[in-house]
């Protein structure tokens, strides 16, 4: 280890910057005293005053252990969301303490200048809250909390180092899951962008016979039950339940593209988690498939109580090297292991029409046995280039190329729909809402 670095790590006492400034000024005074001897006693007095001030500050800082600090953080963070972290500080110094706090954050955040400042009165507890937004899954390790305390004269600092090492696991966005659960419980899903689906008829699943109330469809009147009860009775239907919904996630090179710090893969993982939870809330069976050059994870569709946690843990552990993917192997797994007709929501990406043409035969075969929804992404960077104004010939070329790629995305949508495949083109930020809307739309028109 570097000796200087080792010494700094072991040292807890630091003179304030003003000590060095005053020291350099005194050097100038001592030099001047060489030419003007009468200045020399003044310089000595000033030096003595400086040393005494530093010693007084040091004595007040080291007479007791005056600062305590700890960190309160959850055991797991939600990927792509703001997560709260709380620092608690307590001062037992007999003077108001000015403190500088440096929390050693996980390296994934790349925060080299994180600092907070506070002034603590005697016996006062201070709480400092801050937010962290992770952008990739995995384990994040916090280090120590460093607290620098200034003496009452402002001439010296004492450093406290509190061993608060902690490992936090970053999971797919469970905060989004809770948000949609709360909105659904309060019947306020429209606030999140979820569309209210208009009923297009009755599903095949009968729920109960109930008394007629104003607004019920008269075509559902059950005349036999009405005759038996003497009151007008109607049949009540509900959405068909226990249907299988599989989220299929492409972990290949096409999903490495970043958007606001996160890859398309992590956006897809977050959306798949929320969609699976919505399906389970509607009494459907949720399953999961992830694939690259081979099928890495297969979780059979089910609606048992532990299914959501199993999906969450599976998505948390997903890793990839972003290589080319094999849709033929994916079709083989789907054909052999999913025997009941299901809704397959495939999260992937196509940047060109040629990339679709290579995989279209496999997609067609899957769509022959199941209802297939292909979700892919709009290139938001190209969209901003298309909407910008062209100021020179180079800008015109760039806008033309951007228009070409946008047109290819529209052709991909058209080609998929032509082969009976539902296509959903969306931006990464709207992925979760759009996927839920498409699922509810399919359920509403009884497409599975």
Protein backbone atom coordinates (compact mmCIF):
# COMPACT_ATOMS: atom_id res chain seq x y z
CA UNK A 1 0.00 0.00 0.00
CA UNK A 2 1.14 3.57 -0.68
CA UNK A 3 2.65 4.85 2.64
CA UNK A 4 1.02 8.26 2.22
CA UNK A 5 -2.38 6.71 1.58
CA UNK A 6 -1.92 4.40 4.58
CA UNK A 7 -1.01 7.36 6.80
CA UNK A 8 -4.05 9.36 5.67
CA UNK A 9 -6.33 6.40 6.34
CA UNK A 10 -4.93 6.04 9.86
CA UNK A 11 -4.94 9.76 10.71
CA UNK A 12 -7.97 11.33 12.35
CA UNK A 13 -6.59 14.86 12.89
CA UNK A 14 -6.51 17.44 10.09
CA UNK A 15 -5.68 21.16 10.34
CA UNK A 16 -8.17 23.42 8.60
CA UNK A 17 -7.21 25.02 5.29
CA UNK A 18 -7.04 28.42 6.96
CA UNK A 19 -4.16 27.16 9.12
CA UNK A 20 -2.08 26.65 6.00
CA UNK A 21 -3.07 30.04 4.62
CA UNK A 22 -2.13 31.76 7.89
CA UNK A 23 1.06 29.70 8.05
CA UNK A 24 2.15 30.85 4.59
CA UNK A 25 1.31 34.43 5.56
CA UNK A 26 3.47 34.08 8.69
CA UNK A 27 6.32 32.80 6.55
CA UNK A 28 6.11 36.04 4.60
CA UNK A 29 6.13 38.02 7.89
CA UNK A 30 9.22 36.14 9.11
CA UNK A 31 10.96 36.84 5.80
CA UNK A 32 10.03 40.51 6.17
CA UNK A 33 11.47 40.50 9.71
CA UNK A 34 14.87 39.76 8.21
CA UNK A 35 14.79 43.22 6.66
CA UNK A 36 12.80 44.82 9.52
CA UNK A 37 13.85 43.21 12.85
CA UNK A 38 11.09 44.98 14.79
CA UNK A 39 8.54 42.78 13.03
CA UNK A 40 10.08 39.57 14.39
CA UNK A 41 8.40 39.63 17.85
CA UNK A 42 5.03 40.25 16.19
CA UNK A 43 5.57 37.25 13.95
CA UNK A 44 6.44 35.10 16.97
CA UNK A 45 3.29 36.17 18.80
CA UNK A 46 1.16 35.42 15.75
CA UNK A 47 2.74 32.00 15.37
CA UNK A 48 2.17 31.26 19.06
CA UNK A 49 -1.48 32.33 18.75
CA UNK A 50 -1.93 30.06 15.72
CA UNK A 51 -0.43 27.07 17.52
CA UNK A 52 -2.53 27.70 20.63
CA UNK A 53 -5.72 27.99 18.55
CA UNK A 54 -4.99 24.66 16.85
CA UNK A 55 -4.19 23.00 20.19
CA UNK A 56 -7.36 24.34 21.84
CA UNK A 57 -9.47 23.04 18.95
CA UNK A 58 -7.71 19.67 19.09
CA UNK A 59 -8.21 19.43 22.86
CA UNK A 60 -11.93 20.16 22.58
CA UNK A 61 -12.32 17.65 19.74
CA UNK A 62 -10.42 14.82 21.46
CA UNK A 63 -11.57 15.13 25.08
CA UNK A 64 -14.49 12.83 24.32
CA UNK A 65 -15.91 10.69 21.55
CA UNK A 66 -18.55 13.19 20.62
CA UNK A 67 -20.14 11.84 17.42
CA UNK A 68 -22.12 8.70 16.65
CA UNK A 69 -23.45 7.81 13.20
CA UNK A 70 -25.25 4.93 11.54
CA UNK A 71 -26.93 4.17 8.23
CA UNK A 72 -30.44 2.79 7.75
CA UNK A 73 -30.94 1.23 4.32
CA UNK A 74 -33.33 -1.49 3.12
CA UNK A 75 -32.01 -4.99 2.47
CA UNK A 76 -32.86 -4.61 -1.20
CA UNK A 77 -33.19 -1.78 -3.69
CA UNK A 78 -35.60 -1.48 -6.60
CA UNK A 79 -33.85 -1.23 -9.96
CA UNK A 80 -34.55 1.97 -11.89
CA UNK A 81 -36.34 3.63 -8.97
CA UNK A 82 -35.38 6.11 -6.25
CA UNK A 83 -34.55 4.26 -3.03
CA UNK A 84 -34.32 6.03 0.33
CA UNK A 85 -31.25 5.83 2.55
CA UNK A 86 -31.15 7.46 6.00
CA UNK A 87 -28.08 8.62 7.94
CA UNK A 88 -28.54 9.26 11.67
CA UNK A 89 -26.03 11.38 13.61
CA UNK A 90 -25.77 12.28 17.30
CA UNK A 91 -23.46 14.84 18.93
CA UNK A 92 -22.41 14.93 22.60
CA UNK A 93 -19.93 17.77 22.18
CA UNK A 94 -20.47 20.76 24.51
CA UNK A 95 -20.39 23.12 21.52
CA UNK A 96 -22.37 23.30 18.22
CA UNK A 97 -20.49 20.97 15.87
CA UNK A 98 -20.15 21.65 12.16
CA UNK A 99 -19.86 18.29 10.43
CA UNK A 100 -19.13 17.04 6.93
CA UNK A 101 -20.45 13.56 6.14
CA UNK A 102 -18.97 11.31 3.46
CA UNK A 103 -20.82 8.04 2.93
CA UNK A 104 -18.86 5.42 0.99
CA UNK A 105 -21.40 4.50 -1.70
CA UNK A 106 -21.25 1.34 -3.85
CA UNK A 107 -18.92 1.70 -6.81
CA UNK A 108 -21.79 1.13 -9.26
CA UNK A 109 -23.06 4.67 -8.63
CA UNK A 110 -19.69 6.21 -9.59
CA UNK A 111 -20.16 8.97 -7.00
CA UNK A 112 -16.73 10.42 -6.20
CA UNK A 113 -17.80 13.68 -4.55
CA UNK A 114 -20.78 12.69 -2.37
CA UNK A 115 -20.92 14.99 0.65
CA UNK A 116 -23.52 16.32 3.05
CA UNK A 117 -23.15 19.06 5.66
CA UNK A 118 -24.92 19.64 8.97
CA UNK A 119 -24.63 21.60 12.22
CA UNK A 120 -25.32 19.55 15.34
CA UNK A 121 -26.25 21.02 18.69
CA UNK A 122 -25.34 19.31 21.95
CA UNK A 123 -27.45 16.19 22.44
CA UNK A 124 -29.17 16.67 19.09
CA UNK A 125 -30.02 13.82 16.74
CA UNK A 126 -29.90 14.71 13.06
CA UNK A 127 -31.32 12.61 10.22
CA UNK A 128 -30.09 13.05 6.67
CA UNK A 129 -32.10 11.35 3.93
CA UNK A 130 -30.90 10.87 0.39
CA UNK A 131 -32.01 8.91 -2.68
CA UNK A 132 -30.11 6.38 -4.76
CA UNK A 133 -31.25 5.17 -8.18
CA UNK A 134 -29.50 1.94 -9.23
CA UNK A 135 -29.49 1.10 -12.92
CA UNK A 136 -28.40 -2.52 -12.90
CA UNK A 137 -29.24 -5.59 -10.86
CA UNK A 138 -26.81 -7.27 -8.49
CA UNK A 139 -25.13 -6.78 -5.12
CA UNK A 140 -24.18 -3.26 -4.01
CA UNK A 141 -21.72 -2.85 -1.13
CA UNK A 142 -21.71 0.21 1.09
CA UNK A 143 -18.53 1.10 2.96
CA UNK A 144 -17.88 3.17 6.07
CA UNK A 145 -19.45 6.47 7.10
CA UNK A 146 -16.83 9.21 7.49
CA UNK A 147 -17.75 12.21 9.64
CA UNK A 148 -15.42 15.22 9.82
CA UNK A 149 -16.05 17.49 12.83
CA UNK A 150 -14.75 21.05 12.97
CA UNK A 151 -13.53 22.53 16.26
CA UNK A 152 -15.33 25.58 17.69
CA UNK A 153 -12.49 27.87 16.54
CA UNK A 154 -12.55 26.37 13.04
CA UNK A 155 -8.81 25.61 13.11
CA UNK A 156 -8.87 21.79 13.18
CA UNK A 157 -10.95 18.79 12.15
CA UNK A 158 -11.37 15.37 13.68
CA UNK A 159 -12.37 12.46 11.49
CA UNK A 160 -14.65 9.71 12.75
CA UNK A 161 -14.89 6.53 10.71
CA UNK A 162 -17.86 4.28 11.47
CA UNK A 163 -17.76 0.74 10.15
CA UNK A 164 -21.17 0.49 8.51
CA UNK A 165 -20.38 -1.96 5.72
CA UNK A 166 -23.58 -3.31 4.24
CA UNK A 167 -24.56 -5.32 1.17
CA UNK A 168 -27.81 -4.44 -0.57
CA UNK A 169 -29.30 -6.53 -3.37
CA UNK A 170 -30.83 -4.65 -6.28
CA UNK A 171 -33.92 -6.48 -7.52
CA UNK A 172 -36.15 -5.78 -10.53
CA UNK A 173 -38.52 -2.89 -9.91
CA UNK A 174 -40.73 -4.11 -7.05
CA UNK A 175 -41.60 -0.46 -6.32
CA UNK A 176 -43.52 -0.36 -9.62
CA UNK A 177 -45.30 -3.55 -8.58
CA UNK A 178 -46.43 -1.97 -5.30
CA UNK A 179 -47.48 1.20 -7.10
CA UNK A 180 -49.76 -0.66 -9.49
CA UNK A 181 -51.14 -2.76 -6.63
CA UNK A 182 -52.07 0.36 -4.65
CA UNK A 183 -53.63 2.06 -7.67
CA UNK A 184 -55.61 -1.07 -8.49
CA UNK A 185 -56.86 -1.34 -4.90
CA UNK A 186 -57.99 2.31 -5.04
CA UNK A 187 -59.49 1.87 -8.53
CA UNK A 188 -57.17 4.60 -9.84
CA UNK A 189 -55.19 2.72 -12.50
CA UNK A 190 -56.04 5.41 -15.06
CA UNK A 191 -53.60 7.71 -13.23
CA UNK A 192 -50.76 5.39 -14.26
CA UNK A 193 -51.87 5.37 -17.90
CA UNK A 194 -53.85 2.11 -17.80
CA UNK A 195 -56.79 2.38 -20.17
CA UNK A 196 -60.29 1.47 -19.08
CA UNK A 197 -61.34 -1.44 -21.29
CA UNK A 198 -64.84 -1.37 -22.72
CA UNK A 199 -66.59 -4.72 -22.38
CA UNK A 200 -67.05 -6.35 -25.78
CA UNK A 201 -69.43 -9.07 -24.65
CA UNK A 202 -69.46 -11.87 -22.13
CA UNK A 203 -66.59 -14.17 -21.47
CA UNK A 204 -67.17 -17.88 -21.31
CA UNK A 205 -66.77 -18.04 -17.52
CA UNK A 206 -69.97 -17.83 -15.48
CA UNK A 207 -69.56 -16.40 -11.97
CA UNK A 208 -72.95 -16.21 -10.21
CA UNK A 209 -76.66 -15.38 -10.37
CA UNK A 210 -77.50 -12.11 -8.64
CA UNK A 211 -80.40 -9.74 -8.23
CA UNK A 212 -80.94 -7.25 -11.01
CA UNK A 213 -79.77 -3.70 -10.32
CA UNK A 214 -80.21 -0.67 -12.52
CA UNK A 215 -77.59 -0.70 -15.26
CA UNK A 216 -77.36 -4.48 -15.67
CA UNK A 217 -77.69 -5.75 -19.24
CA UNK A 218 -81.26 -7.00 -19.73
CA UNK A 219 -79.92 -9.69 -22.06
CA UNK A 220 -78.40 -11.45 -19.03
CA UNK A 221 -81.76 -11.95 -17.29
CA UNK A 222 -82.10 -15.53 -16.02
CA UNK A 223 -85.82 -16.22 -16.44
CA UNK A 224 -85.81 -19.56 -14.61
CA UNK A 225 -84.14 -18.07 -11.54
CA UNK A 226 -86.49 -15.08 -11.76
CA UNK A 227 -89.51 -17.40 -11.70
CA UNK A 228 -88.18 -19.32 -8.70
CA UNK A 229 -87.26 -16.26 -6.63
CA UNK A 230 -90.03 -13.92 -7.68
CA UNK A 231 -87.42 -11.19 -8.21
CA UNK A 232 -85.62 -10.24 -11.39
CA UNK A 233 -82.34 -12.21 -11.47
CA UNK A 234 -79.43 -11.89 -13.90
CA UNK A 235 -76.41 -14.00 -14.78
CA UNK A 236 -73.09 -12.44 -13.79
CA UNK A 237 -70.00 -13.19 -15.86
CA UNK A 238 -66.35 -12.56 -15.12
CA UNK A 239 -63.16 -12.57 -17.13
CA UNK A 240 -62.00 -16.08 -17.85
CA UNK A 241 -59.44 -17.12 -15.27
CA UNK A 242 -56.53 -19.55 -14.98
CA UNK A 243 -55.27 -18.73 -18.45
CA UNK A 244 -51.53 -19.04 -18.95
CA UNK A 245 -49.46 -15.88 -19.49
CA UNK A 246 -45.76 -16.27 -20.26
CA UNK A 247 -43.28 -13.40 -20.33
CA UNK A 248 -40.42 -14.30 -22.69
CA UNK A 249 -37.30 -12.14 -22.46
CA UNK A 250 -34.60 -11.92 -25.12
CA UNK A 251 -31.17 -11.59 -23.44
CA UNK A 252 -29.24 -11.12 -26.67
CA UNK A 253 -27.15 -8.35 -28.20
CA UNK A 254 -30.21 -6.42 -29.38
CA UNK A 255 -31.21 -5.80 -25.74
CA UNK A 256 -27.95 -4.13 -24.72
CA UNK A 257 -28.94 -0.72 -26.09
CA UNK A 258 -29.04 1.84 -23.23
CA UNK A 259 -31.78 4.32 -22.44
CA UNK A 260 -31.30 6.78 -19.56
CA UNK A 261 -28.64 4.58 -17.98
CA UNK A 262 -30.52 1.26 -18.14
CA UNK A 263 -30.38 -1.40 -20.83
CA UNK A 264 -33.45 -2.53 -22.74
CA UNK A 265 -33.00 -5.88 -20.98
CA UNK A 266 -33.51 -4.32 -17.54
CA UNK A 267 -36.53 -2.36 -18.78
CA UNK A 268 -37.98 -5.64 -20.06
CA UNK A 269 -37.25 -7.42 -16.77
CA UNK A 270 -39.02 -4.67 -14.81
CA UNK A 271 -42.03 -4.77 -17.16
CA UNK A 272 -42.20 -8.58 -17.05
CA UNK A 273 -42.29 -8.51 -13.24
CA UNK A 274 -45.16 -6.01 -13.12
CA UNK A 275 -47.08 -7.79 -15.89
CA UNK A 276 -46.71 -11.13 -14.11
CA UNK A 277 -48.07 -9.59 -10.92
CA UNK A 278 -51.06 -8.10 -12.79
CA UNK A 279 -51.79 -11.50 -14.34
CA UNK A 280 -51.67 -13.19 -10.93
CA UNK A 281 -53.96 -10.52 -9.46
CA UNK A 282 -56.47 -11.35 -12.22
CA UNK A 283 -56.29 -15.05 -11.28
CA UNK A 284 -54.29 -16.03 -14.37
CA UNK A 285 -51.22 -18.26 -14.30
CA UNK A 286 -47.93 -16.41 -14.80
CA UNK A 287 -44.81 -18.03 -16.22
CA UNK A 288 -41.37 -16.91 -17.37
CA UNK A 289 -38.87 -17.81 -20.09
CA UNK A 290 -35.50 -16.14 -20.66
CA UNK A 291 -33.30 -17.10 -23.58
CA UNK A 292 -30.08 -16.28 -25.35
CA UNK A 293 -28.15 -18.83 -27.37
CA UNK A 294 -30.16 -21.35 -25.35
CA UNK A 295 -33.09 -21.21 -22.96
CA UNK A 296 -31.62 -20.11 -19.64
CA UNK A 297 -34.73 -20.04 -17.44
CA UNK A 298 -38.09 -21.75 -17.72
CA UNK A 299 -40.64 -21.20 -14.97
CA UNK A 300 -43.90 -23.02 -15.66
CA UNK A 301 -47.04 -20.89 -15.48
CA UNK A 302 -48.82 -21.17 -12.16
CA UNK A 303 -50.79 -19.05 -9.71
CA UNK A 304 -49.75 -20.63 -6.42
CA UNK A 305 -48.96 -18.17 -3.58
CA UNK A 306 -45.18 -18.30 -4.02
CA UNK A 307 -45.16 -17.84 -7.79
CA UNK A 308 -44.51 -14.09 -7.76
CA UNK A 309 -41.51 -14.42 -5.42
CA UNK A 310 -40.11 -17.19 -7.59
CA UNK A 311 -40.42 -14.96 -10.67
CA UNK A 312 -38.76 -12.11 -8.77
CA UNK A 313 -35.81 -14.26 -7.68
CA UNK A 314 -35.39 -15.73 -11.17
CA UNK A 315 -35.31 -12.29 -12.78
CA UNK A 316 -32.86 -11.03 -10.14
CA UNK A 317 -30.36 -13.77 -10.99
CA UNK A 318 -30.52 -13.29 -14.77
CA UNK A 319 -27.13 -12.65 -16.35
CA UNK A 320 -26.11 -12.31 -19.97
CA UNK A 321 -23.13 -11.68 -22.21
CA UNK A 322 -25.37 -10.13 -24.89
CA UNK A 323 -24.56 -12.65 -27.64
CA UNK A 324 -26.72 -13.61 -30.63
CA UNK A 325 -29.91 -15.48 -29.74
CA UNK A 326 -31.46 -18.62 -31.19
CA UNK A 327 -35.21 -18.29 -31.83
CA UNK A 328 -35.34 -21.86 -33.20
CA UNK A 329 -34.35 -23.26 -29.81
CA UNK A 330 -36.89 -20.97 -28.18
CA UNK A 331 -39.65 -22.36 -30.40
CA UNK A 332 -38.60 -25.92 -29.56
CA UNK A 333 -38.91 -25.18 -25.83
CA UNK A 334 -42.27 -23.45 -26.27
CA UNK A 335 -43.62 -26.29 -28.41
CA UNK A 336 -42.48 -29.08 -26.10
CA UNK A 337 -43.06 -27.56 -22.67
CA UNK A 338 -46.15 -25.35 -23.07
CA UNK A 339 -48.96 -27.71 -24.00
CA UNK A 340 -51.93 -25.41 -23.29
CA UNK A 341 -52.71 -22.46 -25.55
CA UNK A 342 -51.22 -19.42 -23.80
CA UNK A 343 -50.52 -15.74 -24.14
CA UNK A 344 -46.82 -15.28 -24.94
CA UNK A 345 -45.46 -11.76 -24.41
CA UNK A 346 -42.05 -11.66 -26.10
CA UNK A 347 -39.78 -8.77 -25.08
CA UNK A 348 -37.21 -8.31 -27.83
CA UNK A 349 -35.93 -5.68 -30.25
CA UNK A 350 -35.60 -5.34 -34.00
CA UNK A 351 -33.59 -2.42 -35.38
CA UNK A 352 -33.97 -3.40 -39.04
CA UNK A 353 -36.41 -5.27 -41.25
CA UNK A 354 -33.68 -7.79 -42.11
CA UNK A 355 -33.31 -8.75 -38.45
CA UNK A 356 -37.04 -9.52 -38.33
CA UNK A 357 -36.92 -11.59 -41.52
CA UNK A 358 -34.33 -13.92 -39.97
CA UNK A 359 -36.55 -14.68 -36.98
CA UNK A 360 -40.00 -14.45 -38.59
CA UNK A 361 -40.36 -18.20 -39.38
CA UNK A 362 -39.88 -19.10 -35.69
CA UNK A 363 -42.31 -16.37 -34.61
CA UNK A 364 -44.92 -17.63 -37.08
CA UNK A 365 -44.65 -21.17 -35.73
CA UNK A 366 -45.10 -19.94 -32.15
CA UNK A 367 -48.10 -17.85 -33.21
CA UNK A 368 -49.65 -20.96 -34.76
CA UNK A 369 -49.97 -22.63 -31.34
CA UNK A 370 -50.26 -19.62 -29.02
CA UNK A 371 -51.33 -16.00 -28.97
CA UNK A 372 -48.05 -14.15 -29.48
CA UNK A 373 -47.43 -10.51 -28.59
CA UNK A 374 -44.07 -9.17 -29.79
CA UNK A 375 -42.92 -6.13 -27.80
CA UNK A 376 -40.05 -4.12 -29.27
CA UNK A 377 -38.66 -0.66 -28.81
CA UNK A 378 -38.83 2.69 -30.50
CA UNK A 379 -35.40 4.30 -30.85
CA UNK A 380 -35.89 7.53 -28.91
CA UNK A 381 -32.54 8.98 -30.01
CA UNK A 382 -33.56 8.68 -33.66
CA UNK A 383 -36.90 10.26 -32.83
CA UNK A 384 -35.17 13.36 -31.44
CA UNK A 385 -33.01 13.55 -34.58
CA UNK A 386 -36.08 13.32 -36.82
CA UNK A 387 -37.91 16.05 -34.94
CA UNK A 388 -34.93 18.43 -34.88
CA UNK A 389 -34.47 21.11 -37.52
CA UNK A 390 -31.90 20.64 -40.30
CA UNK A 391 -29.46 23.55 -40.46
CA UNK A 392 -27.03 22.20 -43.04
CA UNK A 393 -26.52 19.40 -45.55
CA UNK A 394 -25.14 17.01 -42.92
CA UNK A 395 -28.27 17.48 -40.79
CA UNK A 396 -30.42 16.64 -43.82
CA UNK A 397 -28.50 13.38 -44.33
CA UNK A 398 -28.89 12.50 -40.63
CA UNK A 399 -32.65 13.23 -40.65
CA UNK A 400 -33.07 11.14 -43.81
CA UNK A 401 -31.30 8.15 -42.25
CA UNK A 402 -33.34 8.55 -39.05
CA UNK A 403 -36.56 8.62 -41.11
CA UNK A 404 -35.45 5.43 -42.87
CA UNK A 405 -34.97 3.58 -39.58
CA UNK A 406 -38.32 4.86 -38.26
CA UNK A 407 -40.02 3.65 -41.44
CA UNK A 408 -38.44 0.21 -40.95
CA UNK A 409 -39.96 0.04 -37.46
CA UNK A 410 -43.39 0.72 -38.95
CA UNK A 411 -42.78 -1.95 -41.61
CA UNK A 412 -41.88 -4.44 -38.87
CA UNK A 413 -45.19 -3.72 -37.11
CA UNK A 414 -47.08 -4.19 -40.39
CA UNK A 415 -45.26 -7.43 -41.23
CA UNK A 416 -45.92 -8.97 -37.82
CA UNK A 417 -49.61 -8.10 -37.94
CA UNK A 418 -49.83 -9.50 -41.47
CA UNK A 419 -48.83 -12.89 -40.06
CA UNK A 420 -51.33 -12.79 -37.19
CA UNK A 421 -48.82 -11.66 -34.57
CA UNK A 422 -49.74 -8.81 -32.23
CA UNK A 423 -47.04 -6.12 -32.41
CA UNK A 424 -46.39 -3.52 -29.72
CA UNK A 425 -43.91 -0.75 -30.54
CA UNK A 426 -43.17 1.39 -27.50
CA UNK A 427 -40.57 3.59 -25.85
CA UNK A 428 -38.62 2.08 -22.92
CA UNK A 429 -40.14 4.53 -20.42
CA UNK A 430 -43.71 3.54 -21.40
CA UNK A 431 -43.00 -0.18 -21.70
CA UNK A 432 -44.69 -1.33 -18.47
CA UNK A 433 -47.92 0.62 -18.99
CA UNK A 434 -48.18 -0.36 -22.66
CA UNK A 435 -47.59 -4.04 -21.89
CA UNK A 436 -50.31 -4.04 -19.21
CA UNK A 437 -52.73 -2.26 -21.55
CA UNK A 438 -52.10 -4.86 -24.27
CA UNK A 439 -52.64 -7.73 -21.81
CA UNK A 440 -55.94 -6.22 -20.60
CA UNK A 441 -57.01 -5.61 -24.19
CA UNK A 442 -56.35 -9.24 -25.10
CA UNK A 443 -58.24 -10.43 -22.02
CA UNK A 444 -61.15 -8.13 -22.79
CA UNK A 445 -61.65 -9.45 -26.31
CA UNK A 446 -61.08 -13.03 -25.15
CA UNK A 447 -58.18 -13.51 -27.52
CA UNK A 448 -56.37 -16.30 -25.71
